[in-house]
Each structure stands twice: as structure tokens, then as C-alpha cells.
Amino acid sequence: MAKGKDVRVRVILECTSCIRNRVNKESSGVSRYITQKNRHNTPSRLELKKFCPYCFKHTIHGEIKK
């Protein structure tokens, strides 16, 4: 039985360079990934290097609020 908050939570990662630069003006998309993290092992915000199809390169994707 689960007590209160779950240990593993679902997080959304969003491309940080697309947000800052708005790289491609013709494509209005922002790269997002969905993953899970362990709340006890990683209490801070998660940042991973993932491929962004709008920037056409690997960039830092940071955790955002739901």
C-alpha cells in the first residue's frame, strides 16, 4: 500500500535552448520528453542532455512544472 507521496514521480523535460533562443521561427514546437525520477535520490530539478529535433542537436533539457 502506498503511503502519501510516491517515491517515483513522472517529470517533463523541456529543451532550454529552444525556450531562450526560439531557434526556428518557422517551427513553433518545443522539444519535450517524459521520464521518471526517484524523489529521494534526486530532490533537485533534473537536467539531462537529449536530442532536440527543433535545434537539430543535443541540448540540455530541464525539468519543468506540470
Protein backbone atom coordinates (compact mmCIF):
# COMPACT_ATOMS: atom_id res chain seq x y z
CA MET A 1 0.00 0.00 0.00
CA ALA A 2 1.23 3.45 -0.89
CA LYS A 3 1.52 5.92 1.96
CA GLY A 4 1.10 9.53 0.93
CA LYS A 5 3.50 10.59 -1.79
CA ASP A 6 5.03 8.10 -4.22
CA VAL A 7 8.79 7.78 -4.36
CA ARG A 8 8.98 7.67 -8.17
CA VAL A 9 7.37 10.63 -9.91
CA ARG A 10 6.80 11.46 -13.56
CA VAL A 11 8.64 14.57 -14.78
CA ILE A 12 8.61 16.54 -18.03
CA LEU A 13 11.92 17.66 -19.56
CA GLU A 14 11.90 20.67 -21.91
CA CYS A 15 14.66 22.00 -24.17
CA THR A 16 16.28 25.04 -22.59
CA SER A 17 17.87 26.44 -25.75
CA CYS A 18 14.56 26.45 -27.67
CA ILE A 19 12.94 28.44 -24.87
CA ARG A 20 15.74 31.02 -24.70
CA ASN A 21 16.50 31.48 -28.38
CA ARG A 22 13.35 30.44 -30.26
CA VAL A 23 15.75 28.80 -32.73
CA ASN A 24 13.49 28.04 -35.69
CA LYS A 25 10.95 30.77 -36.29
CA GLU A 26 9.00 28.66 -38.82
CA SER A 27 8.58 25.71 -36.42
CA SER A 28 6.65 26.70 -33.32
CA GLY A 29 7.43 23.50 -31.42
CA VAL A 30 9.40 22.90 -28.27
CA SER A 31 11.10 19.57 -27.61
CA ARG A 32 9.72 17.74 -24.56
CA TYR A 33 10.48 14.35 -23.05
CA ILE A 34 8.64 12.47 -20.28
CA THR A 35 10.64 10.39 -17.81
CA GLN A 36 10.64 9.30 -14.17
CA LYS A 37 12.88 10.16 -11.25
CA ASN A 38 13.29 8.97 -7.69
CA ARG A 39 12.24 11.80 -5.38
CA HIS A 40 14.51 10.65 -2.51
CA ASN A 41 17.69 10.21 -4.58
CA THR A 42 17.20 13.35 -6.73
CA PRO A 43 15.36 16.06 -4.79
CA SER A 44 16.62 18.88 -7.05
CA ARG A 45 15.46 19.57 -10.61
CA LEU A 46 16.64 17.05 -13.19
CA GLU A 47 18.71 18.12 -16.23
CA LEU A 48 19.65 15.67 -18.99
CA LYS A 49 21.32 16.05 -22.36
CA LYS A 50 18.82 14.90 -25.01
CA PHE A 51 18.34 15.36 -28.76
CA CYS A 52 16.16 18.30 -29.79
CA PRO A 53 14.56 17.85 -33.24
CA TYR A 54 13.91 21.61 -33.50
CA CYS A 55 17.53 22.65 -32.80
CA PHE A 56 18.91 19.60 -34.68
CA LYS A 57 21.48 18.89 -31.93
CA HIS A 58 21.88 17.53 -28.41
CA THR A 59 20.95 20.17 -25.82
CA ILE A 60 20.23 20.38 -22.09
CA HIS A 61 16.64 19.52 -21.23
CA GLY A 62 15.49 20.73 -17.81
CA GLU A 63 12.61 19.67 -15.61
CA ILE A 64 9.51 21.88 -15.72
CA LYS A 65 6.38 22.11 -13.58
CA LYS A 66 3.30 20.19 -14.64
